[in-house]
């Protein structure tokens, strides 16, 4: 029988489960938020359905539990970041922050992330 779970409870569950797999709390919360948001927006293919997939990739070592992005090319407004197989949502968030900083400094920016995991609905 179907059972409805409140979004806040789903968020807590997804974050706690992800954190139990070694993902730092803030990053676990970000991943959980993107999965629950996808559900709320009507995109279940990128929602909670993916949680076991992300956790399996962390367990297997295909995805790093702790993102450690590294800038491999810095041309001022343009950066190339190696995500070192971190969670895509976390890497996208960090790249966005770098892009904002660089845009403030140079008036424009472009940030490329390679070796990143899937990053959901790009919300």
PDB file of N, CA and C in Angstrom:
ATOM      1  N   UNK A   1       0.837  -1.176   0.000  1.00  0.00           N
ATOM      2  CA  UNK A   1       0.000   0.000   0.000  1.00  0.00           C
ATOM      3  C   UNK A   1       0.885   1.243   0.000  1.00  0.00           C
ATOM      4  N   UNK A   2       0.580   2.246  -0.841  1.00  0.00           N
ATOM      5  CA  UNK A   2       1.368   3.481  -0.884  1.00  0.00           C
ATOM      6  C   UNK A   2       1.378   4.193   0.466  1.00  0.00           C
ATOM      7  N   UNK A   3       2.491   4.835   0.728  1.00  0.00           N
ATOM      8  CA  UNK A   3       2.648   5.577   1.975  1.00  0.00           C
ATOM      9  C   UNK A   3       3.296   6.919   1.633  1.00  0.00           C
ATOM     10  N   UNK A   4       2.680   7.992   2.036  1.00  0.00           N
ATOM     11  CA  UNK A   4       3.214   9.325   1.774  1.00  0.00           C
ATOM     12  C   UNK A   4       4.146   9.732   2.909  1.00  0.00           C
ATOM     13  N   UNK A   5       5.303  10.243   2.537  1.00  0.00           N
ATOM     14  CA  UNK A   5       6.296  10.695   3.501  1.00  0.00           C
ATOM     15  C   UNK A   5       6.484  12.191   3.304  1.00  0.00           C
ATOM     16  N   UNK A   6       6.485  12.938   4.370  1.00  0.00           N
ATOM     17  CA  UNK A   6       6.690  14.386   4.290  1.00  0.00           C
ATOM     18  C   UNK A   6       8.082  14.679   3.727  1.00  0.00           C
ATOM     19  N   UNK A   7       8.172  15.725   2.938  1.00  0.00           N
ATOM     20  CA  UNK A   7       9.448  16.093   2.312  1.00  0.00           C
ATOM     21  C   UNK A   7      10.547  16.282   3.344  1.00  0.00           C
ATOM     22  N   UNK A   8      10.245  16.909   4.460  1.00  0.00           N
ATOM     23  CA  UNK A   8      11.259  17.151   5.490  1.00  0.00           C
ATOM     24  C   UNK A   8      11.778  15.829   6.061  1.00  0.00           C
ATOM     25  N   UNK A   9      10.892  14.845   6.209  1.00  0.00           N
ATOM     26  CA  UNK A   9      11.318  13.539   6.713  1.00  0.00           C
ATOM     27  C   UNK A   9      12.165  12.805   5.678  1.00  0.00           C
ATOM     28  N   UNK A  10      11.782  12.925   4.429  1.00  0.00           N
ATOM     29  CA  UNK A  10      12.547  12.318   3.348  1.00  0.00           C
ATOM     30  C   UNK A  10      13.934  12.950   3.260  1.00  0.00           C
ATOM     31  N   UNK A  11      13.982  14.256   3.422  1.00  0.00           N
ATOM     32  CA  UNK A  11      15.257  14.978   3.410  1.00  0.00           C
ATOM     33  C   UNK A  11      16.152  14.494   4.541  1.00  0.00           C
ATOM     34  N   UNK A  12      15.597  14.370   5.732  1.00  0.00           N
ATOM     35  CA  UNK A  12      16.377  13.883   6.882  1.00  0.00           C
ATOM     36  C   UNK A  12      16.910  12.481   6.642  1.00  0.00           C
ATOM     37  N   UNK A  13      16.031  11.611   6.132  1.00  0.00           N
ATOM     38  CA  UNK A  13      16.433  10.233   5.863  1.00  0.00           C
ATOM     39  C   UNK A  13      17.559  10.169   4.838  1.00  0.00           C
ATOM     40  N   UNK A  14      17.391  10.862   3.720  1.00  0.00           N
ATOM     41  CA  UNK A  14      18.399  10.826   2.654  1.00  0.00           C
ATOM     42  C   UNK A  14      19.728  11.401   3.128  1.00  0.00           C
ATOM     43  N   UNK A  15      19.687  12.486   3.890  1.00  0.00           N
ATOM     44  CA  UNK A  15      20.920  13.091   4.399  1.00  0.00           C
ATOM     45  C   UNK A  15      21.609  12.159   5.393  1.00  0.00           C
ATOM     46  N   UNK A  16      20.852  11.592   6.313  1.00  0.00           N
ATOM     47  CA  UNK A  16      21.437  10.699   7.331  1.00  0.00           C
ATOM     48  C   UNK A  16      22.021   9.452   6.686  1.00  0.00           C
ATOM     49  N   UNK A  17      21.325   8.900   5.714  1.00  0.00           N
ATOM     50  CA  UNK A  17      21.811   7.699   5.036  1.00  0.00           C
ATOM     51  C   UNK A  17      23.093   7.997   4.277  1.00  0.00           C
ATOM     52  N   UNK A  18      23.120   9.127   3.607  1.00  0.00           N
ATOM     53  CA  UNK A  18      24.309   9.516   2.848  1.00  0.00           C
ATOM     54  C   UNK A  18      25.478   9.811   3.783  1.00  0.00           C
ATOM     55  N   UNK A  19      25.192  10.499   4.870  1.00  0.00           N
ATOM     56  CA  UNK A  19      26.237  10.797   5.851  1.00  0.00           C
ATOM     57  C   UNK A  19      26.797   9.506   6.448  1.00  0.00           C
ATOM     58  N   UNK A  20      25.948   8.513   6.655  1.00  0.00           N
ATOM     59  CA  UNK A  20      26.397   7.219   7.188  1.00  0.00           C
ATOM     60  C   UNK A  20      27.349   6.511   6.224  1.00  0.00           C
ATOM     61  N   UNK A  21      27.369   6.952   4.974  1.00  0.00           N
ATOM     62  CA  UNK A  21      28.283   6.390   3.979  1.00  0.00           C
ATOM     63  C   UNK A  21      29.553   7.235   3.839  1.00  0.00           C
ATOM     64  N   UNK A  22      29.787   8.134   4.800  1.00  0.00           N
ATOM     65  CA  UNK A  22      31.030   8.897   4.830  1.00  0.00           C
ATOM     66  C   UNK A  22      30.999  10.249   4.166  1.00  0.00           C
ATOM     67  N   UNK A  23      29.843  10.675   3.702  1.00  0.00           N
ATOM     68  CA  UNK A  23      29.733  11.985   3.066  1.00  0.00           C
ATOM     69  C   UNK A  23      29.614  13.043   4.163  1.00  0.00           C
ATOM     70  N   UNK A  24      30.406  14.115   4.098  1.00  0.00           N
ATOM     71  CA  UNK A  24      30.317  15.167   5.109  1.00  0.00           C
ATOM     72  C   UNK A  24      28.884  15.706   5.226  1.00  0.00           C
ATOM     73  N   UNK A  25      28.471  16.112   6.432  1.00  0.00           N
ATOM     74  CA  UNK A  25      27.084  16.534   6.665  1.00  0.00           C
ATOM     75  C   UNK A  25      26.543  17.569   5.684  1.00  0.00           C
ATOM     76  N   UNK A  26      27.280  18.611   5.422  1.00  0.00           N
ATOM     77  CA  UNK A  26      26.795  19.658   4.510  1.00  0.00           C
ATOM     78  C   UNK A  26      26.600  19.107   3.096  1.00  0.00           C
ATOM     79  N   UNK A  27      27.518  18.258   2.652  1.00  0.00           N
ATOM     80  CA  UNK A  27      27.417  17.662   1.321  1.00  0.00           C
ATOM     81  C   UNK A  27      26.268  16.655   1.260  1.00  0.00           C
ATOM     82  N   UNK A  28      26.076  15.897   2.341  1.00  0.00           N
ATOM     83  CA  UNK A  28      24.970  14.935   2.403  1.00  0.00           C
ATOM     84  C   UNK A  28      23.632  15.665   2.324  1.00  0.00           C
ATOM     85  N   UNK A  29      23.553  16.788   2.993  1.00  0.00           N
ATOM     86  CA  UNK A  29      22.321  17.585   2.969  1.00  0.00           C
ATOM     87  C   UNK A  29      22.057  18.128   1.562  1.00  0.00           C
ATOM     88  N   UNK A  30      23.098  18.562   0.875  1.00  0.00           N
ATOM     89  CA  UNK A  30      22.948  19.071  -0.489  1.00  0.00           C
ATOM     90  C   UNK A  30      22.455  17.962  -1.418  1.00  0.00           C
ATOM     91  N   UNK A  31      23.056  16.791  -1.345  1.00  0.00           N
ATOM     92  CA  UNK A  31      22.610  15.675  -2.173  1.00  0.00           C
ATOM     93  C   UNK A  31      21.150  15.346  -1.867  1.00  0.00           C
ATOM     94  N   UNK A  32      20.824  15.235  -0.586  1.00  0.00           N
ATOM     95  CA  UNK A  32      19.450  14.921  -0.185  1.00  0.00           C
ATOM     96  C   UNK A  32      18.483  15.975  -0.706  1.00  0.00           C
ATOM     97  N   UNK A  33      18.855  17.232  -0.600  1.00  0.00           N
ATOM     98  CA  UNK A  33      17.994  18.320  -1.056  1.00  0.00           C
ATOM     99  C   UNK A  33      17.715  18.216  -2.554  1.00  0.00           C
ATOM    100  N   UNK A  34      18.733  17.881  -3.344  1.00  0.00           N
ATOM    101  CA  UNK A  34      18.506  17.786  -4.787  1.00  0.00           C
ATOM    102  C   UNK A  34      17.591  16.609  -5.127  1.00  0.00           C
ATOM    103  N   UNK A  35      17.712  15.515  -4.389  1.00  0.00           N
ATOM    104  CA  UNK A  35      16.860  14.355  -4.647  1.00  0.00           C
ATOM    105  C   UNK A  35      15.407  14.647  -4.271  1.00  0.00           C
ATOM    106  N   UNK A  36      15.203  15.254  -3.130  1.00  0.00           N
ATOM    107  CA  UNK A  36      13.840  15.575  -2.688  1.00  0.00           C
ATOM    108  C   UNK A  36      13.235  16.661  -3.586  1.00  0.00           C
ATOM    109  N   UNK A  37      14.013  17.636  -3.975  1.00  0.00           N
ATOM    110  CA  UNK A  37      13.525  18.679  -4.880  1.00  0.00           C
ATOM    111  C   UNK A  37      13.076  18.071  -6.205  1.00  0.00           C
ATOM    112  N   UNK A  38      13.846  17.139  -6.727  1.00  0.00           N
ATOM    113  CA  UNK A  38      13.452  16.477  -7.969  1.00  0.00           C
ATOM    114  C   UNK A  38      12.097  15.787  -7.802  1.00  0.00           C
ATOM    115  N   UNK A  39      11.902  15.146  -6.670  1.00  0.00           N
ATOM    116  CA  UNK A  39      10.607  14.495  -6.398  1.00  0.00           C
ATOM    117  C   UNK A  39       9.485  15.524  -6.381  1.00  0.00           C
ATOM    118  N   UNK A  40       9.707  16.617  -5.669  1.00  0.00           N
ATOM    119  CA  UNK A  40       8.669  17.651  -5.535  1.00  0.00           C
ATOM    120  C   UNK A  40       8.364  18.324  -6.864  1.00  0.00           C
ATOM    121  N   UNK A  41       9.331  18.394  -7.752  1.00  0.00           N
ATOM    122  CA  UNK A  41       9.134  19.002  -9.064  1.00  0.00           C
ATOM    123  C   UNK A  41       8.553  18.019 -10.076  1.00  0.00           C
ATOM    124  N   UNK A  42       8.330  16.785  -9.650  1.00  0.00           N
ATOM    125  CA  UNK A  42       7.750  15.802 -10.556  1.00  0.00           C
ATOM    126  C   UNK A  42       8.746  15.112 -11.458  1.00  0.00           C
ATOM    127  N   UNK A  43      10.006  15.041 -11.014  1.00  0.00           N
ATOM    128  CA  UNK A  43      11.067  14.367 -11.770  1.00  0.00           C
ATOM    129  C   UNK A  43      11.600  13.183 -10.965  1.00  0.00           C
ATOM    130  N   UNK A  44      10.767  12.176 -10.720  1.00  0.00           N
ATOM    131  CA  UNK A  44      11.202  11.070  -9.864  1.00  0.00           C
ATOM    132  C   UNK A  44      12.393  10.292 -10.423  1.00  0.00           C
ATOM    133  N   UNK A  45      12.632  10.374 -11.728  1.00  0.00           N
ATOM    134  CA  UNK A  45      13.785   9.675 -12.302  1.00  0.00           C
ATOM    135  C   UNK A  45      15.104  10.236 -11.785  1.00  0.00           C
ATOM    136  N   UNK A  46      15.065  11.446 -11.223  1.00  0.00           N
ATOM    137  CA  UNK A  46      16.262  12.067 -10.659  1.00  0.00           C
ATOM    138  C   UNK A  46      16.083  12.327  -9.161  1.00  0.00           C
ATOM    139  N   UNK A  47      15.114  11.666  -8.569  1.00  0.00           N
ATOM    140  CA  UNK A  47      14.814  11.853  -7.150  1.00  0.00           C
ATOM    141  C   UNK A  47      15.337  10.721  -6.293  1.00  0.00           C
ATOM    142  N   UNK A  48      14.533  10.340  -5.337  1.00  0.00           N
ATOM    143  CA  UNK A  48      14.934   9.333  -4.355  1.00  0.00           C
ATOM    144  C   UNK A  48      15.272   7.987  -4.978  1.00  0.00           C
ATOM    145  N   UNK A  49      14.759   7.738  -6.156  1.00  0.00           N
ATOM    146  CA  UNK A  49      15.099   6.531  -6.892  1.00  0.00           C
ATOM    147  C   UNK A  49      16.613   6.392  -7.045  1.00  0.00           C
ATOM    148  N   UNK A  50      17.303   7.504  -7.115  1.00  0.00           N
ATOM    149  CA  UNK A  50      18.752   7.501  -7.328  1.00  0.00           C
ATOM    150  C   UNK A  50      19.573   7.311  -6.049  1.00  0.00           C
ATOM    151  N   UNK A  51      18.977   7.465  -4.885  1.00  0.00           N
ATOM    152  CA  UNK A  51      19.757   7.368  -3.642  1.00  0.00           C
ATOM    153  C   UNK A  51      20.524   6.050  -3.545  1.00  0.00           C
ATOM    154  N   UNK A  52      19.896   4.894  -3.746  1.00  0.00           N
ATOM    155  CA  UNK A  52      20.671   3.646  -3.666  1.00  0.00           C
ATOM    156  C   UNK A  52      21.815   3.594  -4.688  1.00  0.00           C
ATOM    157  N   UNK A  53      21.596   4.193  -5.847  1.00  0.00           N
ATOM    158  CA  UNK A  53      22.638   4.233  -6.884  1.00  0.00           C
ATOM    159  C   UNK A  53      23.843   5.057  -6.412  1.00  0.00           C
ATOM    160  N   UNK A  54      23.574   6.248  -5.860  1.00  0.00           N
ATOM    161  CA  UNK A  54      24.672   7.072  -5.339  1.00  0.00           C
ATOM    162  C   UNK A  54      25.429   6.323  -4.237  1.00  0.00           C
ATOM    163  N   UNK A  55      24.699   5.706  -3.319  1.00  0.00           N
ATOM    164  CA  UNK A  55      25.339   5.002  -2.202  1.00  0.00           C
ATOM    165  C   UNK A  55      26.156   3.818  -2.690  1.00  0.00           C
ATOM    166  N   UNK A  56      25.665   3.106  -3.684  1.00  0.00           N
ATOM    167  CA  UNK A  56      26.417   1.978  -4.238  1.00  0.00           C
ATOM    168  C   UNK A  56      27.711   2.463  -4.880  1.00  0.00           C
ATOM    169  N   UNK A  57      27.648   3.596  -5.562  1.00  0.00           N
ATOM    170  CA  UNK A  57      28.864   4.151  -6.185  1.00  0.00           C
ATOM    171  C   UNK A  57      29.871   4.583  -5.128  1.00  0.00           C
ATOM    172  N   UNK A  58      29.398   5.126  -4.015  1.00  0.00           N
ATOM    173  CA  UNK A  58      30.308   5.495  -2.923  1.00  0.00           C
ATOM    174  C   UNK A  58      30.936   4.234  -2.332  1.00  0.00           C
ATOM    175  N   UNK A  59      30.104   3.228  -2.060  1.00  0.00           N
ATOM    176  CA  UNK A  59      30.620   1.975  -1.485  1.00  0.00           C
ATOM    177  C   UNK A  59      31.649   1.317  -2.397  1.00  0.00           C
ATOM    178  N   UNK A  60      31.433   1.382  -3.701  1.00  0.00           N
ATOM    179  CA  UNK A  60      32.347   0.723  -4.641  1.00  0.00           C
ATOM    180  C   UNK A  60      33.623   1.525  -4.893  1.00  0.00           C
ATOM    181  N   UNK A  61      33.621   2.800  -4.496  1.00  0.00           N
ATOM    182  CA  UNK A  61      34.773   3.656  -4.755  1.00  0.00           C
ATOM    183  C   UNK A  61      34.682   4.402  -6.080  1.00  0.00           C
ATOM    184  N   UNK A  62      33.619   4.180  -6.844  1.00  0.00           N
ATOM    185  CA  UNK A  62      33.457   4.886  -8.119  1.00  0.00           C
ATOM    186  C   UNK A  62      33.200   6.371  -7.910  1.00  0.00           C
ATOM    187  N   UNK A  63      32.600   6.702  -6.771  1.00  0.00           N
ATOM    188  CA  UNK A  63      32.367   8.097  -6.394  1.00  0.00           C
ATOM    189  C   UNK A  63      33.020   8.321  -5.040  1.00  0.00           C
ATOM    190  N   UNK A  64      33.755   9.420  -4.917  1.00  0.00           N
ATOM    191  CA  UNK A  64      34.403   9.760  -3.644  1.00  0.00           C
ATOM    192  C   UNK A  64      33.369  10.336  -2.677  1.00  0.00           C
ATOM    193  N   UNK A  65      33.378   9.845  -1.452  1.00  0.00           N
ATOM    194  CA  UNK A  65      32.449  10.348  -0.434  1.00  0.00           C
ATOM    195  C   UNK A  65      32.740  11.807  -0.095  1.00  0.00           C
ATOM    196  N   UNK A  66      33.996  12.152  -0.102  1.00  0.00           N
ATOM    197  CA  UNK A  66      34.403  13.522   0.194  1.00  0.00           C
ATOM    198  C   UNK A  66      34.959  14.148  -1.084  1.00  0.00           C
ATOM    199  N   UNK A  67      34.278  15.157  -1.554  1.00  0.00           N
ATOM    200  CA  UNK A  67      34.724  15.844  -2.765  1.00  0.00           C
ATOM    201  C   UNK A  67      36.007  16.617  -2.477  1.00  0.00           C
ATOM    202  N   UNK A  68      36.956  16.493  -3.391  1.00  0.00           N
ATOM    203  CA  UNK A  68      38.225  17.203  -3.257  1.00  0.00           C
ATOM    204  C   UNK A  68      38.594  17.816  -4.603  1.00  0.00           C
ATOM    205  N   UNK A  69      37.788  18.784  -5.066  1.00  0.00           N
ATOM    206  CA  UNK A  69      38.064  19.363  -6.378  1.00  0.00           C
ATOM    207  C   UNK A  69      39.414  20.069  -6.406  1.00  0.00           C
ATOM    208  N   UNK A  70      40.046  20.012  -7.589  1.00  0.00           N
ATOM    209  CA  UNK A  70      41.368  20.604  -7.756  1.00  0.00           C
ATOM    210  C   UNK A  70      41.378  21.414  -9.043  1.00  0.00           C
ATOM    211  N   UNK A  71      41.786  22.660  -8.968  1.00  0.00           N
ATOM    212  CA  UNK A  71      41.903  23.502 -10.161  1.00  0.00           C
ATOM    213  C   UNK A  71      43.118  23.012 -10.951  1.00  0.00           C
ATOM    214  N   UNK A  72      42.884  22.647 -12.217  1.00  0.00           N
ATOM    215  CA  UNK A  72      43.981  22.151 -13.056  1.00  0.00           C
ATOM    216  C   UNK A  72      44.389  23.156 -14.125  1.00  0.00           C
ATOM    217  N   UNK A  73      43.558  24.162 -14.366  1.00  0.00           N
ATOM    218  CA  UNK A  73      43.898  25.221 -15.307  1.00  0.00           C
ATOM    219  C   UNK A  73      43.211  26.496 -14.848  1.00  0.00           C
ATOM    220  N   UNK A  74      44.014  27.539 -14.692  1.00  0.00           N
ATOM    221  CA  UNK A  74      43.500  28.813 -14.201  1.00  0.00           C
ATOM    222  C   UNK A  74      43.930  29.920 -15.152  1.00  0.00           C
ATOM    223  N   UNK A  75      42.963  30.458 -15.869  1.00  0.00           N
ATOM    224  CA  UNK A  75      43.225  31.555 -16.793  1.00  0.00           C
ATOM    225  C   UNK A  75      42.445  32.797 -16.384  1.00  0.00           C
ATOM    226  N   UNK A  76      42.379  33.023 -15.093  1.00  0.00           N
ATOM    227  CA  UNK A  76      41.665  34.196 -14.590  1.00  0.00           C
ATOM    228  C   UNK A  76      40.175  33.959 -14.517  1.00  0.00           C
ATOM    229  N   UNK A  77      39.481  34.345 -15.570  1.00  0.00           N
ATOM    230  CA  UNK A  77      38.027  34.200 -15.596  1.00  0.00           C
ATOM    231  C   UNK A  77      37.592  32.784 -15.969  1.00  0.00           C
ATOM    232  N   UNK A  78      38.519  31.985 -16.482  1.00  0.00           N
ATOM    233  CA  UNK A  78      38.208  30.633 -16.938  1.00  0.00           C
ATOM    234  C   UNK A  78      39.012  29.627 -16.131  1.00  0.00           C
ATOM    235  N   UNK A  79      38.299  28.686 -15.521  1.00  0.00           N
ATOM    236  CA  UNK A  79      38.941  27.638 -14.722  1.00  0.00           C
ATOM    237  C   UNK A  79      38.516  26.271 -15.216  1.00  0.00           C
ATOM    238  N   UNK A  80      39.431  25.328 -15.139  1.00  0.00           N
ATOM    239  CA  UNK A  80      39.102  23.921 -15.323  1.00  0.00           C
ATOM    240  C   UNK A  80      39.363  23.257 -13.982  1.00  0.00           C
ATOM    241  N   UNK A  81      38.338  22.573 -13.479  1.00  0.00           N
ATOM    242  CA  UNK A  81      38.409  21.926 -12.176  1.00  0.00           C
ATOM    243  C   UNK A  81      38.293  20.422 -12.369  1.00  0.00           C
ATOM    244  N   UNK A  82      39.203  19.673 -11.754  1.00  0.00           N
ATOM    245  CA  UNK A  82      39.093  18.221 -11.744  1.00  0.00           C
ATOM    246  C   UNK A  82      38.317  17.843 -10.489  1.00  0.00           C
ATOM    247  N   UNK A  83      37.157  17.228 -10.679  1.00  0.00           N
ATOM    248  CA  UNK A  83      36.300  16.870  -9.554  1.00  0.00           C
ATOM    249  C   UNK A  83      36.736  15.631  -8.812  1.00  0.00           C
ATOM    250  N   UNK A  84      37.711  14.913  -9.355  1.00  0.00           N
ATOM    251  CA  UNK A  84      38.259  13.712  -8.723  1.00  0.00           C
ATOM    252  C   UNK A  84      37.160  12.746  -8.275  1.00  0.00           C
ATOM    253  N   UNK A  85      36.151  12.621  -9.138  1.00  0.00           N
ATOM    254  CA  UNK A  85      35.051  11.660  -8.945  1.00  0.00           C
ATOM    255  C   UNK A  85      34.185  11.928  -7.717  1.00  0.00           C
ATOM    256  N   UNK A  86      34.085  13.183  -7.326  1.00  0.00           N
ATOM    257  CA  UNK A  86      33.206  13.548  -6.218  1.00  0.00           C
ATOM    258  C   UNK A  86      31.754  13.582  -6.652  1.00  0.00           C
ATOM    259  N   UNK A  87      30.874  13.758  -5.691  1.00  0.00           N
ATOM    260  CA  UNK A  87      29.446  13.886  -5.980  1.00  0.00           C
ATOM    261  C   UNK A  87      29.213  15.114  -6.855  1.00  0.00           C
ATOM    262  N   UNK A  88      28.482  14.923  -7.933  1.00  0.00           N
ATOM    263  CA  UNK A  88      28.263  15.998  -8.888  1.00  0.00           C
ATOM    264  C   UNK A  88      27.604  17.226  -8.295  1.00  0.00           C
ATOM    265  N   UNK A  89      26.623  17.014  -7.397  1.00  0.00           N
ATOM    266  CA  UNK A  89      25.937  18.153  -6.794  1.00  0.00           C
ATOM    267  C   UNK A  89      26.913  19.016  -5.994  1.00  0.00           C
ATOM    268  N   UNK A  90      27.802  18.371  -5.282  1.00  0.00           N
ATOM    269  CA  UNK A  90      28.777  19.090  -4.459  1.00  0.00           C
ATOM    270  C   UNK A  90      29.757  19.833  -5.356  1.00  0.00           C
ATOM    271  N   UNK A  91      30.222  19.161  -6.400  1.00  0.00           N
ATOM    272  CA  UNK A  91      31.170  19.799  -7.314  1.00  0.00           C
ATOM    273  C   UNK A  91      30.530  20.962  -8.063  1.00  0.00           C
ATOM    274  N   UNK A  92      29.275  20.801  -8.471  1.00  0.00           N
ATOM    275  CA  UNK A  92      28.580  21.886  -9.158  1.00  0.00           C
ATOM    276  C   UNK A  92      28.414  23.087  -8.238  1.00  0.00           C
ATOM    277  N   UNK A  93      28.099  22.823  -6.966  1.00  0.00           N
ATOM    278  CA  UNK A  93      27.959  23.909  -5.996  1.00  0.00           C
ATOM    279  C   UNK A  93      29.284  24.649  -5.815  1.00  0.00           C
ATOM    280  N   UNK A  94      30.358  23.907  -5.671  1.00  0.00           N
ATOM    281  CA  UNK A  94      31.676  24.553  -5.485  1.00  0.00           C
ATOM    282  C   UNK A  94      32.111  25.297  -6.740  1.00  0.00           C
ATOM    283  N   UNK A  95      31.834  24.726  -7.910  1.00  0.00           N
ATOM    284  CA  UNK A  95      32.175  25.399  -9.167  1.00  0.00           C
ATOM    285  C   UNK A  95      31.381  26.694  -9.312  1.00  0.00           C
ATOM    286  N   UNK A  96      30.124  26.664  -8.918  1.00  0.00           N
ATOM    287  CA  UNK A  96      29.290  27.871  -8.979  1.00  0.00           C
ATOM    288  C   UNK A  96      29.867  28.960  -8.088  1.00  0.00           C
ATOM    289  N   UNK A  97      30.275  28.581  -6.896  1.00  0.00           N
ATOM    290  CA  UNK A  97      30.879  29.569  -5.985  1.00  0.00           C
ATOM    291  C   UNK A  97      32.174  30.147  -6.565  1.00  0.00           C
ATOM    292  N   UNK A  98      32.994  29.276  -7.156  1.00  0.00           N
ATOM    293  CA  UNK A  98      34.214  29.763  -7.807  1.00  0.00           C
ATOM    294  C   UNK A  98      33.863  30.712  -8.950  1.00  0.00           C
ATOM    295  N   UNK A  99      32.844  30.361  -9.726  1.00  0.00           N
ATOM    296  CA  UNK A  99      32.423  31.196 -10.849  1.00  0.00           C
ATOM    297  C   UNK A  99      31.953  32.563 -10.410  1.00  0.00           C
ATOM    298  N   UNK A 100      31.226  32.606  -9.311  1.00  0.00           N
ATOM    299  CA  UNK A 100      30.759  33.894  -8.786  1.00  0.00           C
ATOM    300  C   UNK A 100      31.949  34.748  -8.355  1.00  0.00           C
ATOM    301  N   UNK A 101      32.890  34.138  -7.646  1.00  0.00           N
ATOM    302  CA  UNK A 101      34.088  34.875  -7.207  1.00  0.00           C
ATOM    303  C   UNK A 101      34.870  35.406  -8.405  1.00  0.00           C
ATOM    304  N   UNK A 102      35.050  34.550  -9.416  1.00  0.00           N
ATOM    305  CA  UNK A 102      35.810  34.971 -10.593  1.00  0.00           C
ATOM    306  C   UNK A 102      35.064  36.039 -11.388  1.00  0.00           C
ATOM    307  N   UNK A 103      33.757  35.935 -11.460  1.00  0.00           N
ATOM    308  CA  UNK A 103      32.973  36.953 -12.174  1.00  0.00           C
ATOM    309  C   UNK A 103      33.064  38.299 -11.464  1.00  0.00           C
ATOM    310  N   UNK A 104      33.072  38.262 -10.156  1.00  0.00           N
ATOM    311  CA  UNK A 104      33.234  39.523  -9.408  1.00  0.00           C
ATOM    312  C   UNK A 104      34.586  40.158  -9.702  1.00  0.00           C
ATOM    313  N   UNK A 105      35.589  39.322  -9.836  1.00  0.00           N
ATOM    314  CA  UNK A 105      36.947  39.809 -10.075  1.00  0.00           C
ATOM    315  C   UNK A 105      37.178  40.225 -11.531  1.00  0.00           C
ATOM    316  N   UNK A 106      36.633  39.456 -12.482  1.00  0.00           N
ATOM    317  CA  UNK A 106      36.936  39.662 -13.904  1.00  0.00           C
ATOM    318  C   UNK A 106      35.759  40.153 -14.735  1.00  0.00           C
ATOM    319  N   UNK A 107      34.573  40.227 -14.137  1.00  0.00           N
ATOM    320  CA  UNK A 107      33.399  40.671 -14.874  1.00  0.00           C
ATOM    321  C   UNK A 107      32.672  39.556 -15.605  1.00  0.00           C
ATOM    322  N   UNK A 108      33.294  38.401 -15.694  1.00  0.00           N
ATOM    323  CA  UNK A 108      32.727  37.230 -16.380  1.00  0.00           C
ATOM    324  C   UNK A 108      33.494  36.001 -15.899  1.00  0.00           C
ATOM    325  N   UNK A 109      32.877  34.827 -16.034  1.00  0.00           N
ATOM    326  CA  UNK A 109      33.619  33.611 -15.705  1.00  0.00           C
ATOM    327  C   UNK A 109      33.026  32.414 -16.427  1.00  0.00           C
ATOM    328  N   UNK A 110      33.850  31.410 -16.589  1.00  0.00           N
ATOM    329  CA  UNK A 110      33.424  30.110 -17.116  1.00  0.00           C
ATOM    330  C   UNK A 110      34.191  29.059 -16.334  1.00  0.00           C
ATOM    331  N   UNK A 111      33.465  28.134 -15.745  1.00  0.00           N
ATOM    332  CA  UNK A 111      34.077  27.088 -14.942  1.00  0.00           C
ATOM    333  C   UNK A 111      33.709  25.740 -15.557  1.00  0.00           C
ATOM    334  N   UNK A 112      34.699  24.944 -15.842  1.00  0.00           N
ATOM    335  CA  UNK A 112      34.497  23.609 -16.394  1.00  0.00           C
ATOM    336  C   UNK A 112      34.883  22.608 -15.310  1.00  0.00           C
ATOM    337  N   UNK A 113      34.021  21.604 -15.097  1.00  0.00           N
ATOM    338  CA  UNK A 113      34.327  20.549 -14.129  1.00  0.00           C
ATOM    339  C   UNK A 113      34.411  19.232 -14.882  1.00  0.00           C
ATOM    340  N   UNK A 114      35.527  18.550 -14.728  1.00  0.00           N
ATOM    341  CA  UNK A 114      35.669  17.231 -15.319  1.00  0.00           C
ATOM    342  C   UNK A 114      35.807  16.200 -14.210  1.00  0.00           C
ATOM    343  N   UNK A 115      35.617  14.947 -14.558  1.00  0.00           N
ATOM    344  CA  UNK A 115      35.676  13.852 -13.575  1.00  0.00           C
ATOM    345  C   UNK A 115      34.738  14.093 -12.414  1.00  0.00           C
ATOM    346  N   UNK A 116      33.503  14.373 -12.781  1.00  0.00           N
ATOM    347  CA  UNK A 116      32.439  14.620 -11.803  1.00  0.00           C
ATOM    348  C   UNK A 116      31.411  13.522 -11.899  1.00  0.00           C
ATOM    349  N   UNK A 117      30.771  13.233 -10.777  1.00  0.00           N
ATOM    350  CA  UNK A 117      29.646  12.317 -10.795  1.00  0.00           C
ATOM    351  C   UNK A 117      28.394  13.004 -11.296  1.00  0.00           C
ATOM    352  N   UNK A 118      27.351  12.235 -11.456  1.00  0.00           N
ATOM    353  CA  UNK A 118      26.037  12.729 -11.876  1.00  0.00           C
ATOM    354  C   UNK A 118      25.592  13.833 -10.922  1.00  0.00           C
ATOM    355  N   UNK A 119      24.961  14.887 -11.428  1.00  0.00           N
ATOM    356  CA  UNK A 119      24.551  15.945 -10.509  1.00  0.00           C
ATOM    357  C   UNK A 119      23.065  16.247 -10.549  1.00  0.00           C
ATOM    358  N   UNK A 120      22.289  15.223 -10.770  1.00  0.00           N
ATOM    359  CA  UNK A 120      20.853  15.347 -10.605  1.00  0.00           C
ATOM    360  C   UNK A 120      20.187  16.211 -11.648  1.00  0.00           C
ATOM    361  N   UNK A 121      19.181  16.957 -11.200  1.00  0.00           N
ATOM    362  CA  UNK A 121      18.390  17.787 -12.096  1.00  0.00           C
ATOM    363  C   UNK A 121      19.043  19.129 -12.379  1.00  0.00           C
ATOM    364  N   UNK A 122      20.246  19.328 -11.903  1.00  0.00           N
ATOM    365  CA  UNK A 122      20.964  20.591 -12.075  1.00  0.00           C
ATOM    366  C   UNK A 122      20.166  21.753 -11.503  1.00  0.00           C
ATOM    367  N   UNK A 123      19.472  21.465 -10.426  1.00  0.00           N
ATOM    368  CA  UNK A 123      18.638  22.486  -9.808  1.00  0.00           C
ATOM    369  C   UNK A 123      19.484  23.417  -8.964  1.00  0.00           C
TER     370      UNK A 123
END
